[in-house]
Amino acid sequence: MPFYIMITIVLLSLTSCKQKNSDSNTQNQEEAGPTSRFSYSLAQWSFHRALEDKTLDPLDFAAKAKELGFTGIEYVSSFYAEKVKDSVYLSELKNRAEQNGIQSLLIMVDGEGDLAVMDEQKRNEAVENHYKWVDAAAFLGCHSIRVNLFGTGTETDMADASVLALKKLSVYGKEKNINIIVENHGGQSSYGIWLKSVISRVNMPNCGTLPDFGNFCLQRENNERWNAPCLKEYDRYKGVNELIPYAKGVSAKSYGFDDAGNETTIDYALMADIVKQSDFKGFVGVEWEGNDISEEEGVKKTLALVKKHFN
């Protein structure tokens, strides 16, 4: 056989093999489905009115999230306060999530005492009050609990107290493979550069942040913690930019929408750019907190907006 014919046959064979491998890789990618840096979870507070008036059972939260197109959920402690140590109930809660193919991600913990107080006994009591939620989160398969940094005193006093509390709580969390994450949730915690400094000083891998697009009110009328007009607000875009390097979750908050489906108080395109330019990947949590439309409609609109900017 002439040499040039042998070369042609070899080249054709190599091309064929390459094409088959390419086809195989394409098929495997198609079978695996599209991949994305972000997934979407539902924050339970989005349905707080339905949960409070008993039209939605907390055990049915995972099924509701699946119905609306989510793959992860974020629990709120107040809806399970009497069940946090009930292993039978927690087993059922875990089973419901697994049956619906939903990942349990974190528990937002409220009402367990202030972590940023100078009084050592009160601070330690508050820290220890959170232990049961760390245990519950570990049982459910979550990666984190979200805590608050409320207290009184100067910025320095509150920072020092916060570092002590978070270190102690993070040590306990580490034993259970649970992160301790802080949300900008009003007051001093909404002062982005302050919270960034606190987390940096704690300097533990399982202590981080949960940047929320909306909670940047530093001071409310009559110094109320909630439900009063905001008198002083931190720049939300600056705040998210400061907190995102430590983020172990992101809370995409919404309050209202215009006719085009855009959030009326938050520039979602800018927020998405801040997150996408960081190293964060994983679940972006949808949290509806408005009043002018139903909770379900608010969640649907928020998810559509988040997907528009994060997909």
C-alpha atoms as a PDB file:
ATOM      1  CA  MET A   1       0.000   0.000   0.000  1.00  0.00           C
ATOM      2  CA  PRO A   2       1.424   3.411  -0.964  1.00  0.00           C
ATOM      3  CA  PHE A   3       2.690   5.455   1.982  1.00  0.00           C
ATOM      4  CA  TYR A   4       0.418   8.469   1.302  1.00  0.00           C
ATOM      5  CA  ILE A   5      -2.658   6.180   1.414  1.00  0.00           C
ATOM      6  CA  MET A   6      -1.573   4.787   4.808  1.00  0.00           C
ATOM      7  CA  ILE A   7      -1.196   8.332   6.156  1.00  0.00           C
ATOM      8  CA  THR A   8      -4.657   9.260   4.865  1.00  0.00           C
ATOM      9  CA  ILE A   9      -6.241   6.233   6.553  1.00  0.00           C
ATOM     10  CA  VAL A  10      -4.535   7.043   9.866  1.00  0.00           C
ATOM     11  CA  LEU A  11      -5.651  10.681   9.721  1.00  0.00           C
ATOM     12  CA  LEU A  12      -9.226   9.683   8.912  1.00  0.00           C
ATOM     13  CA  SER A  13      -9.192   7.213  11.815  1.00  0.00           C
ATOM     14  CA  LEU A  14      -7.924   9.840  14.268  1.00  0.00           C
ATOM     15  CA  THR A  15     -10.524  12.335  13.078  1.00  0.00           C
ATOM     16  CA  SER A  16     -13.250   9.733  13.544  1.00  0.00           C
ATOM     17  CA  CYS A  17     -12.081   8.902  17.079  1.00  0.00           C
ATOM     18  CA  LYS A  18     -11.887  12.603  17.968  1.00  0.00           C
ATOM     19  CA  GLN A  19     -15.403  13.148  16.649  1.00  0.00           C
ATOM     20  CA  LYS A  20     -16.717  10.192  18.664  1.00  0.00           C
ATOM     21  CA  ASN A  21     -15.090  11.493  21.844  1.00  0.00           C
ATOM     22  CA  SER A  22     -16.518  14.958  21.156  1.00  0.00           C
ATOM     23  CA  ASP A  23     -19.975  13.502  20.580  1.00  0.00           C
ATOM     24  CA  SER A  24     -19.652  11.453  23.771  1.00  0.00           C
ATOM     25  CA  ASN A  25     -18.646  14.533  25.829  1.00  0.00           C
ATOM     26  CA  THR A  26     -21.542  16.514  24.386  1.00  0.00           C
ATOM     27  CA  GLN A  27     -23.935  13.689  25.202  1.00  0.00           C
ATOM     28  CA  ASN A  28     -22.623  13.434  28.761  1.00  0.00           C
ATOM     29  CA  GLN A  29     -23.046  17.195  29.222  1.00  0.00           C
ATOM     30  CA  GLU A  30     -26.584  17.039  27.880  1.00  0.00           C
ATOM     31  CA  GLU A  31     -27.415  14.123  30.166  1.00  0.00           C
ATOM     32  CA  ALA A  32     -25.968  15.965  33.149  1.00  0.00           C
ATOM     33  CA  GLY A  33     -27.984  19.072  32.283  1.00  0.00           C
ATOM     34  CA  PRO A  34     -26.894  22.700  32.368  1.00  0.00           C
ATOM     35  CA  THR A  35     -24.551  23.742  35.143  1.00  0.00           C
ATOM     36  CA  SER A  36     -24.704  27.040  36.974  1.00  0.00           C
ATOM     37  CA  ARG A  37     -22.675  28.808  39.595  1.00  0.00           C
ATOM     38  CA  PHE A  38     -25.858  29.660  41.488  1.00  0.00           C
ATOM     39  CA  SER A  39     -28.851  27.756  42.826  1.00  0.00           C
ATOM     40  CA  TYR A  40     -31.960  29.226  44.449  1.00  0.00           C
ATOM     41  CA  SER A  41     -33.400  28.748  47.917  1.00  0.00           C
ATOM     42  CA  LEU A  42     -36.532  30.010  49.629  1.00  0.00           C
ATOM     43  CA  ALA A  43     -36.330  31.906  52.908  1.00  0.00           C
ATOM     44  CA  GLN A  44     -39.153  30.824  55.196  1.00  0.00           C
ATOM     45  CA  TRP A  45     -39.858  34.375  56.324  1.00  0.00           C
ATOM     46  CA  SER A  46     -41.328  34.966  52.863  1.00  0.00           C
ATOM     47  CA  PHE A  47     -44.404  33.065  54.091  1.00  0.00           C
ATOM     48  CA  HIS A  48     -44.439  34.308  57.679  1.00  0.00           C
ATOM     49  CA  ARG A  49     -48.057  35.492  57.516  1.00  0.00           C
ATOM     50  CA  ALA A  50     -49.268  32.137  56.191  1.00  0.00           C
ATOM     51  CA  LEU A  51     -47.243  30.344  58.863  1.00  0.00           C
ATOM     52  CA  GLU A  52     -48.466  32.634  61.625  1.00  0.00           C
ATOM     53  CA  ASP A  53     -52.147  32.268  60.698  1.00  0.00           C
ATOM     54  CA  LYS A  54     -51.721  28.477  60.310  1.00  0.00           C
ATOM     55  CA  THR A  55     -52.679  28.342  56.628  1.00  0.00           C
ATOM     56  CA  LEU A  56     -49.229  26.857  55.965  1.00  0.00           C
ATOM     57  CA  ASP A  57     -47.879  24.114  58.235  1.00  0.00           C
ATOM     58  CA  PRO A  58     -44.130  24.474  58.919  1.00  0.00           C
ATOM     59  CA  LEU A  59     -43.775  20.787  58.016  1.00  0.00           C
ATOM     60  CA  ASP A  60     -45.090  21.582  54.518  1.00  0.00           C
ATOM     61  CA  PHE A  61     -42.519  24.277  53.825  1.00  0.00           C
ATOM     62  CA  ALA A  62     -40.264  22.015  51.749  1.00  0.00           C
ATOM     63  CA  ALA A  63     -43.186  20.910  49.565  1.00  0.00           C
ATOM     64  CA  LYS A  64     -44.163  24.553  49.033  1.00  0.00           C
ATOM     65  CA  ALA A  65     -40.614  25.434  48.029  1.00  0.00           C
ATOM     66  CA  LYS A  66     -40.509  22.588  45.514  1.00  0.00           C
ATOM     67  CA  GLU A  67     -43.880  23.659  44.077  1.00  0.00           C
ATOM     68  CA  LEU A  68     -42.456  27.121  43.435  1.00  0.00           C
ATOM     69  CA  GLY A  69     -39.299  25.855  41.737  1.00  0.00           C
ATOM     70  CA  PHE A  70     -36.682  26.010  44.502  1.00  0.00           C
ATOM     71  CA  THR A  71     -34.072  23.402  45.397  1.00  0.00           C
ATOM     72  CA  GLY A  72     -33.091  24.699  48.851  1.00  0.00           C
ATOM     73  CA  ILE A  73     -34.770  26.141  51.939  1.00  0.00           C
ATOM     74  CA  GLU A  74     -33.807  28.420  54.835  1.00  0.00           C
ATOM     75  CA  TYR A  75     -35.716  27.853  58.073  1.00  0.00           C
ATOM     76  CA  VAL A  76     -36.708  30.493  60.654  1.00  0.00           C
ATOM     77  CA  SER A  77     -36.311  29.447  64.284  1.00  0.00           C
ATOM     78  CA  SER A  78     -39.503  31.075  65.564  1.00  0.00           C
ATOM     79  CA  PHE A  79     -41.642  28.549  63.682  1.00  0.00           C
ATOM     80  CA  TYR A  80     -39.909  25.632  65.416  1.00  0.00           C
ATOM     81  CA  ALA A  81     -39.131  27.073  68.857  1.00  0.00           C
ATOM     82  CA  GLU A  82     -41.140  24.427  70.709  1.00  0.00           C
ATOM     83  CA  LYS A  83     -39.826  21.589  68.522  1.00  0.00           C
ATOM     84  CA  VAL A  84     -36.108  22.329  68.394  1.00  0.00           C
ATOM     85  CA  LYS A  85     -35.272  19.417  70.736  1.00  0.00           C
ATOM     86  CA  ASP A  86     -38.040  17.102  69.509  1.00  0.00           C
ATOM     87  CA  SER A  87     -36.178  14.393  67.587  1.00  0.00           C
ATOM     88  CA  VAL A  88     -39.394  12.872  66.218  1.00  0.00           C
ATOM     89  CA  TYR A  89     -40.523  16.215  64.788  1.00  0.00           C
ATOM     90  CA  LEU A  90     -37.079  17.044  63.422  1.00  0.00           C
ATOM     91  CA  SER A  91     -36.913  13.630  61.762  1.00  0.00           C
ATOM     92  CA  GLU A  92     -40.227  14.321  60.036  1.00  0.00           C
ATOM     93  CA  LEU A  93     -39.026  17.780  58.984  1.00  0.00           C
ATOM     94  CA  LYS A  94     -35.877  16.240  57.540  1.00  0.00           C
ATOM     95  CA  ASN A  95     -37.836  13.507  55.784  1.00  0.00           C
ATOM     96  CA  ARG A  96     -40.194  16.028  54.195  1.00  0.00           C
ATOM     97  CA  ALA A  97     -37.248  17.918  52.719  1.00  0.00           C
ATOM     98  CA  GLU A  98     -35.604  14.754  51.415  1.00  0.00           C
ATOM     99  CA  GLN A  99     -38.868  13.430  49.943  1.00  0.00           C
ATOM    100  CA  ASN A 100     -39.224  16.654  47.958  1.00  0.00           C
ATOM    101  CA  GLY A 101     -35.600  16.732  46.819  1.00  0.00           C
ATOM    102  CA  ILE A 102     -34.977  19.922  48.769  1.00  0.00           C
ATOM    103  CA  GLN A 103     -31.723  20.809  50.551  1.00  0.00           C
ATOM    104  CA  SER A 104     -31.977  22.192  54.081  1.00  0.00           C
ATOM    105  CA  LEU A 105     -29.413  24.995  54.124  1.00  0.00           C
ATOM    106  CA  LEU A 106     -29.599  27.060  57.274  1.00  0.00           C
ATOM    107  CA  ILE A 107     -31.683  28.148  60.252  1.00  0.00           C
ATOM    108  CA  MET A 108     -32.202  31.860  60.872  1.00  0.00           C
ATOM    109  CA  VAL A 109     -32.090  32.141  64.661  1.00  0.00           C
ATOM    110  CA  ASP A 110     -33.869  34.954  66.512  1.00  0.00           C
ATOM    111  CA  GLY A 111     -34.939  35.605  70.078  1.00  0.00           C
ATOM    112  CA  GLU A 112     -32.161  33.739  71.885  1.00  0.00           C
ATOM    113  CA  GLY A 113     -30.523  36.724  73.555  1.00  0.00           C
ATOM    114  CA  ASP A 114     -28.147  39.467  72.461  1.00  0.00           C
ATOM    115  CA  LEU A 115     -24.633  38.412  71.488  1.00  0.00           C
ATOM    116  CA  ALA A 116     -23.105  41.905  71.428  1.00  0.00           C
ATOM    117  CA  VAL A 117     -23.523  42.799  75.121  1.00  0.00           C
ATOM    118  CA  MET A 118     -20.654  43.581  77.456  1.00  0.00           C
ATOM    119  CA  ASP A 119     -22.171  41.660  80.381  1.00  0.00           C
ATOM    120  CA  GLU A 120     -20.250  38.383  80.196  1.00  0.00           C
ATOM    121  CA  GLN A 121     -22.913  36.274  81.914  1.00  0.00           C
ATOM    122  CA  LYS A 122     -25.711  37.509  79.649  1.00  0.00           C
ATOM    123  CA  ARG A 123     -23.534  37.122  76.573  1.00  0.00           C
ATOM    124  CA  ASN A 124     -22.552  33.556  77.457  1.00  0.00           C
ATOM    125  CA  GLU A 125     -26.178  32.690  78.162  1.00  0.00           C
ATOM    126  CA  ALA A 126     -27.103  33.987  74.724  1.00  0.00           C
ATOM    127  CA  VAL A 127     -24.293  31.987  73.114  1.00  0.00           C
ATOM    128  CA  GLU A 128     -25.370  28.808  74.878  1.00  0.00           C
ATOM    129  CA  ASN A 129     -29.005  29.424  73.917  1.00  0.00           C
ATOM    130  CA  HIS A 130     -27.871  29.052  70.306  1.00  0.00           C
ATOM    131  CA  TYR A 131     -26.306  25.625  70.851  1.00  0.00           C
ATOM    132  CA  LYS A 132     -29.605  23.790  70.432  1.00  0.00           C
ATOM    133  CA  TRP A 133     -30.039  25.420  67.032  1.00  0.00           C
ATOM    134  CA  VAL A 134     -26.562  24.325  66.002  1.00  0.00           C
ATOM    135  CA  ASP A 135     -27.562  20.791  67.000  1.00  0.00           C
ATOM    136  CA  ALA A 136     -30.829  21.026  65.061  1.00  0.00           C
ATOM    137  CA  ALA A 137     -29.069  22.418  61.979  1.00  0.00           C
ATOM    138  CA  ALA A 138     -26.563  19.555  62.052  1.00  0.00           C
ATOM    139  CA  PHE A 139     -29.385  17.002  62.363  1.00  0.00           C
ATOM    140  CA  LEU A 140     -31.284  18.498  59.427  1.00  0.00           C
ATOM    141  CA  GLY A 141     -28.189  18.583  57.232  1.00  0.00           C
ATOM    142  CA  CYS A 142     -27.838  22.371  57.137  1.00  0.00           C
ATOM    143  CA  HIS A 143     -24.496  24.096  56.679  1.00  0.00           C
ATOM    144  CA  SER A 144     -25.155  27.138  58.922  1.00  0.00           C
ATOM    145  CA  ILE A 145     -27.174  28.982  61.489  1.00  0.00           C
ATOM    146  CA  ARG A 146     -27.727  32.705  61.036  1.00  0.00           C
ATOM    147  CA  VAL A 147     -27.296  34.825  64.166  1.00  0.00           C
ATOM    148  CA  ASN A 148     -27.803  38.494  65.059  1.00  0.00           C
ATOM    149  CA  LEU A 149     -25.400  40.941  66.689  1.00  0.00           C
ATOM    150  CA  PHE A 150     -27.630  43.089  68.881  1.00  0.00           C
ATOM    151  CA  GLY A 151     -26.452  44.849  72.028  1.00  0.00           C
ATOM    152  CA  THR A 152     -25.737  48.223  73.574  1.00  0.00           C
ATOM    153  CA  GLY A 153     -22.671  50.378  74.011  1.00  0.00           C
ATOM    154  CA  THR A 154     -20.118  51.988  71.762  1.00  0.00           C
ATOM    155  CA  GLU A 155     -19.097  50.537  68.408  1.00  0.00           C
ATOM    156  CA  THR A 156     -15.878  49.315  70.014  1.00  0.00           C
ATOM    157  CA  ASP A 157     -17.666  47.747  72.987  1.00  0.00           C
ATOM    158  CA  MET A 158     -20.119  45.928  70.740  1.00  0.00           C
ATOM    159  CA  ALA A 159     -17.353  44.785  68.415  1.00  0.00           C
ATOM    160  CA  ASP A 160     -15.315  43.355  71.294  1.00  0.00           C
ATOM    161  CA  ALA A 161     -18.350  41.566  72.708  1.00  0.00           C
ATOM    162  CA  SER A 162     -19.338  40.242  69.278  1.00  0.00           C
ATOM    163  CA  VAL A 163     -15.892  38.778  68.666  1.00  0.00           C
ATOM    164  CA  LEU A 164     -15.965  36.947  71.999  1.00  0.00           C
ATOM    165  CA  ALA A 165     -19.470  35.596  71.399  1.00  0.00           C
ATOM    166  CA  LEU A 166     -18.853  34.526  67.811  1.00  0.00           C
ATOM    167  CA  LYS A 167     -15.600  32.780  68.675  1.00  0.00           C
ATOM    168  CA  LYS A 168     -17.257  30.762  71.418  1.00  0.00           C
ATOM    169  CA  LEU A 169     -20.245  29.887  69.249  1.00  0.00           C
ATOM    170  CA  SER A 170     -18.040  29.057  66.269  1.00  0.00           C
ATOM    171  CA  VAL A 171     -15.976  26.661  68.362  1.00  0.00           C
ATOM    172  CA  TYR A 172     -19.178  24.797  69.216  1.00  0.00           C
ATOM    173  CA  GLY A 173     -20.336  24.985  65.599  1.00  0.00           C
ATOM    174  CA  LYS A 174     -17.055  23.546  64.358  1.00  0.00           C
ATOM    175  CA  GLU A 175     -17.647  20.404  66.435  1.00  0.00           C
ATOM    176  CA  LYS A 176     -20.928  19.888  64.536  1.00  0.00           C
ATOM    177  CA  ASN A 177     -19.603  21.023  61.132  1.00  0.00           C
ATOM    178  CA  ILE A 178     -21.911  24.062  61.239  1.00  0.00           C
ATOM    179  CA  ASN A 179     -21.072  27.606  60.167  1.00  0.00           C
ATOM    180  CA  ILE A 180     -22.034  30.611  62.264  1.00  0.00           C
ATOM    181  CA  ILE A 181     -23.048  33.414  59.920  1.00  0.00           C
ATOM    182  CA  VAL A 182     -24.106  36.974  60.684  1.00  0.00           C
ATOM    183  CA  GLU A 183     -26.671  38.893  58.664  1.00  0.00           C
ATOM    184  CA  ASN A 184     -26.796  42.644  58.362  1.00  0.00           C
ATOM    185  CA  HIS A 185     -30.041  42.749  60.315  1.00  0.00           C
ATOM    186  CA  GLY A 186     -30.459  46.242  61.657  1.00  0.00           C
ATOM    187  CA  GLY A 187     -28.588  48.461  64.066  1.00  0.00           C
ATOM    188  CA  GLN A 188     -24.835  48.078  64.315  1.00  0.00           C
ATOM    189  CA  SER A 189     -24.832  44.872  62.251  1.00  0.00           C
ATOM    190  CA  SER A 190     -26.011  46.887  59.231  1.00  0.00           C
ATOM    191  CA  TYR A 191     -22.848  48.993  59.378  1.00  0.00           C
ATOM    192  CA  GLY A 192     -21.028  46.974  56.722  1.00  0.00           C
ATOM    193  CA  ILE A 193     -17.449  47.963  57.461  1.00  0.00           C
ATOM    194  CA  TRP A 194     -18.010  47.309  61.193  1.00  0.00           C
ATOM    195  CA  LEU A 195     -19.384  43.806  60.610  1.00  0.00           C
ATOM    196  CA  LYS A 196     -16.579  43.068  58.160  1.00  0.00           C
ATOM    197  CA  SER A 197     -14.052  44.010  60.844  1.00  0.00           C
ATOM    198  CA  VAL A 198     -15.764  41.794  63.438  1.00  0.00           C
ATOM    199  CA  ILE A 199     -15.732  38.724  61.188  1.00  0.00           C
ATOM    200  CA  SER A 200     -12.105  39.403  60.260  1.00  0.00           C
ATOM    201  CA  ARG A 201     -11.156  39.549  63.942  1.00  0.00           C
ATOM    202  CA  VAL A 202     -12.954  36.279  64.708  1.00  0.00           C
ATOM    203  CA  ASN A 203     -10.796  34.746  61.974  1.00  0.00           C
ATOM    204  CA  MET A 204     -12.377  31.279  61.962  1.00  0.00           C
ATOM    205  CA  PRO A 205     -13.235  29.397  58.750  1.00  0.00           C
ATOM    206  CA  ASN A 206     -16.755  28.571  59.938  1.00  0.00           C
ATOM    207  CA  CYS A 207     -17.659  32.150  60.878  1.00  0.00           C
ATOM    208  CA  GLY A 208     -18.944  34.323  58.049  1.00  0.00           C
ATOM    209  CA  THR A 209     -21.720  36.546  56.766  1.00  0.00           C
ATOM    210  CA  LEU A 210     -25.141  36.397  55.152  1.00  0.00           C
ATOM    211  CA  PRO A 211     -25.338  39.614  53.109  1.00  0.00           C
ATOM    212  CA  ASP A 212     -28.951  40.762  52.761  1.00  0.00           C
ATOM    213  CA  PHE A 213     -29.837  43.156  49.938  1.00  0.00           C
ATOM    214  CA  GLY A 214     -32.302  45.081  52.081  1.00  0.00           C
ATOM    215  CA  ASN A 215     -31.440  45.224  55.786  1.00  0.00           C
ATOM    216  CA  PHE A 216     -29.224  48.279  56.045  1.00  0.00           C
ATOM    217  CA  CYS A 217     -31.144  50.487  58.489  1.00  0.00           C
ATOM    218  CA  LEU A 218     -28.753  51.756  61.154  1.00  0.00           C
ATOM    219  CA  GLN A 219     -31.269  53.635  63.297  1.00  0.00           C
ATOM    220  CA  ARG A 220     -35.041  53.663  63.567  1.00  0.00           C
ATOM    221  CA  GLU A 221     -37.400  56.178  65.097  1.00  0.00           C
ATOM    222  CA  ASN A 222     -37.404  56.076  68.917  1.00  0.00           C
ATOM    223  CA  ASN A 223     -34.511  53.614  68.652  1.00  0.00           C
ATOM    224  CA  GLU A 224     -36.936  50.797  67.912  1.00  0.00           C
ATOM    225  CA  ARG A 225     -35.380  47.590  66.628  1.00  0.00           C
ATOM    226  CA  TRP A 226     -38.190  46.853  64.146  1.00  0.00           C
ATOM    227  CA  ASN A 227     -41.421  48.263  62.740  1.00  0.00           C
ATOM    228  CA  ALA A 228     -40.528  51.954  62.873  1.00  0.00           C
ATOM    229  CA  PRO A 229     -39.442  54.415  60.179  1.00  0.00           C
ATOM    230  CA  CYS A 230     -35.742  54.265  59.325  1.00  0.00           C
ATOM    231  CA  LEU A 231     -33.876  57.461  60.173  1.00  0.00           C
ATOM    232  CA  LYS A 232     -30.387  56.490  59.034  1.00  0.00           C
ATOM    233  CA  GLU A 233     -29.404  53.934  56.413  1.00  0.00           C
ATOM    234  CA  TYR A 234     -26.081  52.482  55.253  1.00  0.00           C
ATOM    235  CA  ASP A 235     -25.306  52.336  51.536  1.00  0.00           C
ATOM    236  CA  ARG A 236     -26.603  48.866  50.642  1.00  0.00           C
ATOM    237  CA  TYR A 237     -24.317  48.356  47.651  1.00  0.00           C
ATOM    238  CA  LYS A 238     -21.251  49.355  49.646  1.00  0.00           C
ATOM    239  CA  GLY A 239     -22.403  47.063  52.451  1.00  0.00           C
ATOM    240  CA  VAL A 240     -22.928  43.989  50.278  1.00  0.00           C
ATOM    241  CA  ASN A 241     -19.566  44.623  48.623  1.00  0.00           C
ATOM    242  CA  GLU A 242     -17.908  44.701  52.064  1.00  0.00           C
ATOM    243  CA  LEU A 243     -19.630  41.554  53.334  1.00  0.00           C
ATOM    244  CA  ILE A 244     -19.562  39.322  50.238  1.00  0.00           C
ATOM    245  CA  PRO A 245     -15.947  38.125  50.728  1.00  0.00           C
ATOM    246  CA  TYR A 246     -17.079  36.378  53.938  1.00  0.00           C
ATOM    247  CA  ALA A 247     -20.443  35.179  52.623  1.00  0.00           C
ATOM    248  CA  LYS A 248     -21.675  31.625  53.062  1.00  0.00           C
ATOM    249  CA  GLY A 249     -25.078  32.593  51.714  1.00  0.00           C
ATOM    250  CA  VAL A 250     -26.821  35.532  50.050  1.00  0.00           C
ATOM    251  CA  SER A 251     -30.275  36.885  50.851  1.00  0.00           C
ATOM    252  CA  ALA A 252     -31.982  38.474  47.838  1.00  0.00           C
ATOM    253  CA  LYS A 253     -34.584  40.626  49.603  1.00  0.00           C
ATOM    254  CA  SER A 254     -37.504  42.323  47.874  1.00  0.00           C
ATOM    255  CA  TYR A 255     -40.222  44.732  48.999  1.00  0.00           C
ATOM    256  CA  GLY A 256     -42.154  45.719  45.879  1.00  0.00           C
ATOM    257  CA  PHE A 257     -42.197  45.636  42.085  1.00  0.00           C
ATOM    258  CA  ASP A 258     -42.978  47.991  39.223  1.00  0.00           C
ATOM    259  CA  ASP A 259     -44.954  46.998  36.126  1.00  0.00           C
ATOM    260  CA  ALA A 260     -41.776  45.765  34.417  1.00  0.00           C
ATOM    261  CA  GLY A 261     -41.003  43.351  37.274  1.00  0.00           C
ATOM    262  CA  ASN A 262     -38.133  45.370  38.706  1.00  0.00           C
ATOM    263  CA  GLU A 263     -37.685  45.820  42.442  1.00  0.00           C
ATOM    264  CA  THR A 264     -38.665  49.371  43.364  1.00  0.00           C
ATOM    265  CA  THR A 265     -36.013  50.010  46.034  1.00  0.00           C
ATOM    266  CA  ILE A 266     -33.050  47.811  45.035  1.00  0.00           C
ATOM    267  CA  ASP A 267     -30.982  47.824  41.850  1.00  0.00           C
ATOM    268  CA  TYR A 268     -30.841  44.073  41.291  1.00  0.00           C
ATOM    269  CA  ALA A 269     -28.528  44.333  38.301  1.00  0.00           C
ATOM    270  CA  LEU A 270     -25.960  46.126  40.446  1.00  0.00           C
ATOM    271  CA  MET A 271     -26.409  43.708  43.359  1.00  0.00           C
ATOM    272  CA  ALA A 272     -25.987  40.738  41.032  1.00  0.00           C
ATOM    273  CA  ASP A 273     -22.803  42.247  39.580  1.00  0.00           C
ATOM    274  CA  ILE A 274     -21.342  42.653  43.075  1.00  0.00           C
ATOM    275  CA  VAL A 275     -22.055  39.018  43.898  1.00  0.00           C
ATOM    276  CA  LYS A 276     -20.901  37.669  40.527  1.00  0.00           C
ATOM    277  CA  GLN A 277     -17.623  39.576  40.729  1.00  0.00           C
ATOM    278  CA  SER A 278     -16.872  37.887  44.066  1.00  0.00           C
ATOM    279  CA  ASP A 279     -15.834  34.280  44.693  1.00  0.00           C
ATOM    280  CA  PHE A 280     -19.247  33.391  46.096  1.00  0.00           C
ATOM    281  CA  LYS A 281     -21.071  30.451  44.570  1.00  0.00           C
ATOM    282  CA  GLY A 282     -23.973  28.360  45.771  1.00  0.00           C
ATOM    283  CA  PHE A 283     -27.461  29.275  46.876  1.00  0.00           C
ATOM    284  CA  VAL A 284     -28.978  32.722  46.502  1.00  0.00           C
ATOM    285  CA  GLY A 285     -31.903  32.937  48.913  1.00  0.00           C
ATOM    286  CA  VAL A 286     -35.170  34.554  47.845  1.00  0.00           C
ATOM    287  CA  GLU A 287     -36.880  36.543  50.619  1.00  0.00           C
ATOM    288  CA  TRP A 288     -40.082  38.463  49.942  1.00  0.00           C
ATOM    289  CA  GLU A 289     -40.943  41.058  52.597  1.00  0.00           C
ATOM    290  CA  GLY A 290     -43.539  43.247  50.911  1.00  0.00           C
ATOM    291  CA  ASN A 291     -47.227  43.743  51.618  1.00  0.00           C
ATOM    292  CA  ASP A 292     -48.885  44.975  48.435  1.00  0.00           C
ATOM    293  CA  ILE A 293     -49.241  41.540  46.806  1.00  0.00           C
ATOM    294  CA  SER A 294     -49.678  38.031  48.166  1.00  0.00           C
ATOM    295  CA  GLU A 295     -46.738  36.197  49.653  1.00  0.00           C
ATOM    296  CA  GLU A 296     -46.781  33.600  46.891  1.00  0.00           C
ATOM    297  CA  GLU A 297     -46.906  36.214  44.141  1.00  0.00           C
ATOM    298  CA  GLY A 298     -44.098  38.153  45.825  1.00  0.00           C
ATOM    299  CA  VAL A 299     -41.944  35.041  45.955  1.00  0.00           C
ATOM    300  CA  LYS A 300     -42.618  34.251  42.291  1.00  0.00           C
ATOM    301  CA  LYS A 301     -41.712  37.762  41.184  1.00  0.00           C
ATOM    302  CA  THR A 302     -38.563  37.794  43.287  1.00  0.00           C
ATOM    303  CA  LEU A 303     -37.413  34.436  41.938  1.00  0.00           C
ATOM    304  CA  ALA A 304     -38.011  35.608  38.362  1.00  0.00           C
ATOM    305  CA  LEU A 305     -35.976  38.763  39.005  1.00  0.00           C
ATOM    306  CA  VAL A 306     -33.148  36.843  40.678  1.00  0.00           C
ATOM    307  CA  LYS A 307     -32.970  34.344  37.819  1.00  0.00           C
ATOM    308  CA  LYS A 308     -32.935  37.186  35.307  1.00  0.00           C
ATOM    309  CA  HIS A 309     -29.802  38.656  36.834  1.00  0.00           C
ATOM    310  CA  PHE A 310     -27.996  35.601  38.214  1.00  0.00           C
ATOM    311  CA  ASN A 311     -28.514  32.958  35.510  1.00  0.00           C
END
